[in-house]
Amino acid sequence: VTISADDALIVISEDDDTITVTSVDTWRPDGTLMHAAPASIAPDHLLVIGWNANAPHMLVHLDAAAAPGSTVDVVVDPAIEHVDIADLGVVPFTNIAVNVVEADTTRVAPLAQILAARDYERLVLLGYRDHLSSAEADARTLLTLVHARRMLVGDHRNRSISIVAELLDAGTAAPRVSLATAAAAFTTHEAC
């Protein structure tokens, strides 16, 4: 097949992780094809706070996409969930090392200790959808998010971290309730 500079390639796949690009060919100004090696990707360090039945699937997808040597620290509240990575049936991972820590991240001190322990590029907040109502899970997620945003300022080692938070209730009124619940919980946990 001959591909010219004006051609476009469209790839159709079941999922984005089933497409593998092993090299990139670029056009030179004179019209000849030049082979280039794929860019190397640095290991990523991800912090996941919270857990639900979707988390093992997320770890499998992360492992497929991550650079070798990447790490995932999973923090779960022991009062809500116990996670043993070996029991999930998804190990061994190829590219990521997973570490599980137990802590209540709705409290300031444990969250501060976790965020100060190492450098992370990303923070993913998952709702405890398997054990709490959507409103309760969202309130915990939002409370953790509020605490984290208040800590990750100034010269904090993780101040440039990107944060993704899973909110479970897609209703229009429920997020306001969750925000109010999180704000109320925040004021009660402030002294903790």
Protein backbone atom coordinates (compact mmCIF):
# COMPACT_ATOMS: atom_id res chain seq x y z
CA VAL A 1 0.00 0.00 0.00
CA THR A 2 1.29 3.43 -0.89
CA ILE A 3 0.45 6.27 1.48
CA SER A 4 1.06 9.80 0.38
CA ALA A 5 1.53 12.93 2.49
CA ASP A 6 -2.13 13.90 1.95
CA ASP A 7 -3.49 10.51 3.09
CA ALA A 8 -4.95 9.86 6.54
CA LEU A 9 -5.02 6.56 8.35
CA ILE A 10 -8.13 5.63 10.34
CA VAL A 11 -7.84 2.70 12.72
CA ILE A 12 -10.97 0.94 13.96
CA SER A 13 -10.57 -1.18 17.05
CA GLU A 14 -12.64 -2.76 19.80
CA ASP A 15 -10.82 -0.60 22.38
CA ASP A 16 -7.95 1.86 22.31
CA ASP A 17 -5.67 -0.52 24.19
CA THR A 18 -5.89 -3.15 21.40
CA ILE A 19 -3.99 -0.85 19.01
CA THR A 20 -0.23 -1.22 19.24
CA VAL A 21 2.09 1.24 17.57
CA THR A 22 5.60 -0.14 17.42
CA SER A 23 7.17 2.58 15.31
CA VAL A 24 6.36 5.87 13.70
CA ASP A 25 7.17 6.67 10.12
CA THR A 26 7.38 10.31 9.15
CA TRP A 27 7.58 12.03 5.80
CA ARG A 28 10.68 13.94 4.88
CA PRO A 29 10.28 17.15 2.91
CA ASP A 30 11.63 15.35 -0.20
CA GLY A 31 8.76 12.81 -0.02
CA THR A 32 10.74 9.82 1.23
CA LEU A 33 9.71 7.85 4.28
CA MET A 34 11.90 7.98 7.37
CA HIS A 35 11.61 5.35 10.13
CA ALA A 36 11.68 6.61 13.73
CA ALA A 37 11.77 4.58 16.93
CA PRO A 38 8.87 5.07 19.34
CA ALA A 39 9.46 7.67 22.02
CA SER A 40 10.30 6.19 25.40
CA ILE A 41 7.84 6.88 28.16
CA ALA A 42 9.03 7.61 31.69
CA PRO A 43 7.57 5.55 34.54
CA ASP A 44 4.44 7.06 36.05
CA HIS A 45 3.56 7.25 39.75
CA LEU A 46 -0.16 7.14 40.45
CA LEU A 47 -2.05 7.50 43.72
CA VAL A 48 -5.48 5.86 43.84
CA ILE A 49 -7.67 6.69 46.84
CA GLY A 50 -10.80 4.61 47.28
CA TRP A 51 -11.91 1.29 45.86
CA ASN A 52 -14.79 -0.44 44.11
CA ALA A 53 -15.42 -3.39 41.80
CA ASN A 54 -14.13 -1.41 38.79
CA ALA A 55 -10.71 -0.79 40.33
CA PRO A 56 -9.13 -4.14 39.33
CA HIS A 57 -10.14 -3.51 35.70
CA MET A 58 -8.64 -0.03 35.92
CA LEU A 59 -5.36 -1.52 37.19
CA VAL A 60 -5.26 -3.98 34.28
CA HIS A 61 -5.73 -1.10 31.79
CA LEU A 62 -3.13 1.00 33.61
CA ASP A 63 -0.67 -1.89 33.45
CA ALA A 64 -1.18 -2.19 29.69
CA ALA A 65 -0.66 1.54 29.11
CA ALA A 66 2.04 2.36 31.67
CA ALA A 67 5.77 2.41 31.14
CA PRO A 68 7.77 -0.32 32.86
CA GLY A 69 8.72 0.68 36.39
CA SER A 70 5.50 2.61 37.03
CA THR A 71 3.92 2.46 40.48
CA VAL A 72 0.37 2.61 41.79
CA ASP A 73 -0.24 3.27 45.48
CA VAL A 74 -3.80 2.30 46.41
CA VAL A 75 -5.20 3.80 49.62
CA VAL A 76 -8.32 2.25 51.12
CA ASP A 77 -10.21 3.01 54.30
CA PRO A 78 -10.01 -0.17 56.41
CA ALA A 79 -13.37 0.64 58.00
CA ILE A 80 -14.97 0.29 54.55
CA GLU A 81 -12.84 -2.01 52.41
CA HIS A 82 -9.99 -4.49 52.61
CA VAL A 83 -7.96 -4.98 49.45
CA ASP A 84 -5.42 -7.72 48.85
CA ILE A 85 -4.03 -7.35 45.34
CA ALA A 86 -3.01 -11.03 45.25
CA ASP A 87 -6.67 -12.05 45.76
CA LEU A 88 -7.92 -10.08 42.74
CA GLY A 89 -6.76 -12.53 40.11
CA VAL A 90 -5.18 -9.79 38.00
CA VAL A 91 -1.56 -10.15 39.04
CA PRO A 92 1.19 -10.39 38.04
CA PHE A 93 1.35 -6.99 36.43
CA THR A 94 3.92 -6.37 33.72
CA ASN A 95 4.57 -2.64 33.97
CA ILE A 96 3.23 -1.50 37.34
CA ALA A 97 3.99 -2.31 40.94
CA VAL A 98 0.93 -1.97 43.18
CA ASN A 99 1.15 -1.13 46.86
CA VAL A 100 -1.92 -1.06 49.15
CA VAL A 101 -2.06 1.29 52.15
CA GLU A 102 -4.89 1.52 54.66
CA ALA A 103 -5.89 5.01 55.83
CA ASP A 104 -8.94 7.23 56.28
CA THR A 105 -8.23 9.98 53.75
CA THR A 106 -11.24 12.04 54.84
CA ARG A 107 -9.02 12.97 57.80
CA VAL A 108 -6.36 15.58 57.21
CA ALA A 109 -3.36 13.96 58.94
CA PRO A 110 -3.36 10.59 57.11
CA LEU A 111 -3.92 12.25 53.73
CA ALA A 112 -1.15 14.78 54.38
CA GLN A 113 1.25 11.97 55.31
CA ILE A 114 0.44 10.03 52.12
CA LEU A 115 0.79 13.06 49.84
CA ALA A 116 4.11 14.03 51.45
CA ALA A 117 5.63 10.55 51.18
CA ARG A 118 6.55 10.58 47.47
CA ASP A 119 6.10 12.33 44.14
CA TYR A 120 2.98 11.48 42.14
CA GLU A 121 1.96 12.57 38.65
CA ARG A 122 -1.70 11.64 39.06
CA LEU A 123 -4.32 11.21 41.77
CA VAL A 124 -7.47 9.17 41.12
CA LEU A 125 -10.30 9.34 43.65
CA LEU A 126 -12.68 6.37 43.44
CA GLY A 127 -16.03 6.11 45.18
CA TYR A 128 -16.75 3.25 47.57
CA ARG A 129 -19.80 2.28 45.47
CA ASP A 130 -19.86 -1.32 46.70
CA HIS A 131 -20.37 -0.45 50.38
CA LEU A 132 -21.87 3.05 50.57
CA SER A 133 -24.77 4.85 48.98
CA SER A 134 -23.92 7.09 46.03
CA ALA A 135 -24.41 10.20 48.19
CA GLU A 136 -22.16 8.85 50.97
CA ALA A 137 -19.48 7.71 48.51
CA ASP A 138 -19.57 11.06 46.70
CA ALA A 139 -19.36 12.94 50.00
CA ARG A 140 -16.20 10.99 50.95
CA THR A 141 -14.71 11.59 47.50
CA LEU A 142 -15.45 15.32 47.63
CA LEU A 143 -14.14 15.64 51.18
CA THR A 144 -10.88 13.95 50.17
CA LEU A 145 -10.71 16.21 47.12
CA VAL A 146 -11.20 19.35 49.25
CA HIS A 147 -8.50 18.26 51.70
CA ALA A 148 -6.08 17.39 48.87
CA ARG A 149 -6.61 20.69 47.04
CA ARG A 150 -6.00 22.62 50.26
CA MET A 151 -2.71 20.76 50.82
CA LEU A 152 -1.34 20.77 47.27
CA VAL A 153 -0.36 24.44 47.14
CA GLY A 154 2.78 26.52 47.44
CA ASP A 155 5.93 24.43 47.46
CA HIS A 156 4.23 21.06 48.12
CA ARG A 157 6.07 18.33 46.25
CA ASN A 158 2.83 17.25 44.50
CA ARG A 159 1.40 20.71 43.77
CA SER A 160 1.26 20.01 40.00
CA ILE A 161 -0.49 16.64 40.33
CA SER A 162 -3.47 16.03 38.04
CA ILE A 163 -6.59 14.87 39.88
CA VAL A 164 -9.52 12.83 38.58
CA ALA A 165 -12.47 12.22 40.92
CA GLU A 166 -15.21 9.67 40.32
CA LEU A 167 -18.63 10.94 41.31
CA LEU A 168 -21.37 8.34 41.26
CA ASP A 169 -24.59 10.34 41.32
CA ALA A 170 -25.31 11.81 37.90
CA GLY A 171 -28.54 13.53 39.02
CA THR A 172 -28.70 17.30 39.02
CA ALA A 173 -29.82 17.74 42.63
CA ALA A 174 -27.62 15.04 44.12
CA PRO A 175 -24.27 16.78 43.48
CA ARG A 176 -25.52 19.77 45.49
CA VAL A 177 -26.47 17.42 48.31
CA SER A 178 -23.07 15.72 48.06
CA LEU A 179 -21.28 19.07 48.15
CA ALA A 180 -23.32 20.12 51.17
CA THR A 181 -22.65 16.79 52.88
CA ALA A 182 -18.94 17.06 52.08
CA ALA A 183 -18.81 20.62 53.38
CA ALA A 184 -20.55 19.58 56.60
CA ALA A 185 -18.22 16.60 56.99
CA PHE A 186 -15.25 18.87 56.25
CA THR A 187 -16.13 21.18 59.12
CA THR A 188 -16.60 18.27 61.51
CA HIS A 189 -13.30 16.66 60.47
CA GLU A 190 -11.32 19.93 60.41
CA ALA A 191 -10.04 19.48 63.94
CA CYS A 192 -9.05 15.83 63.32
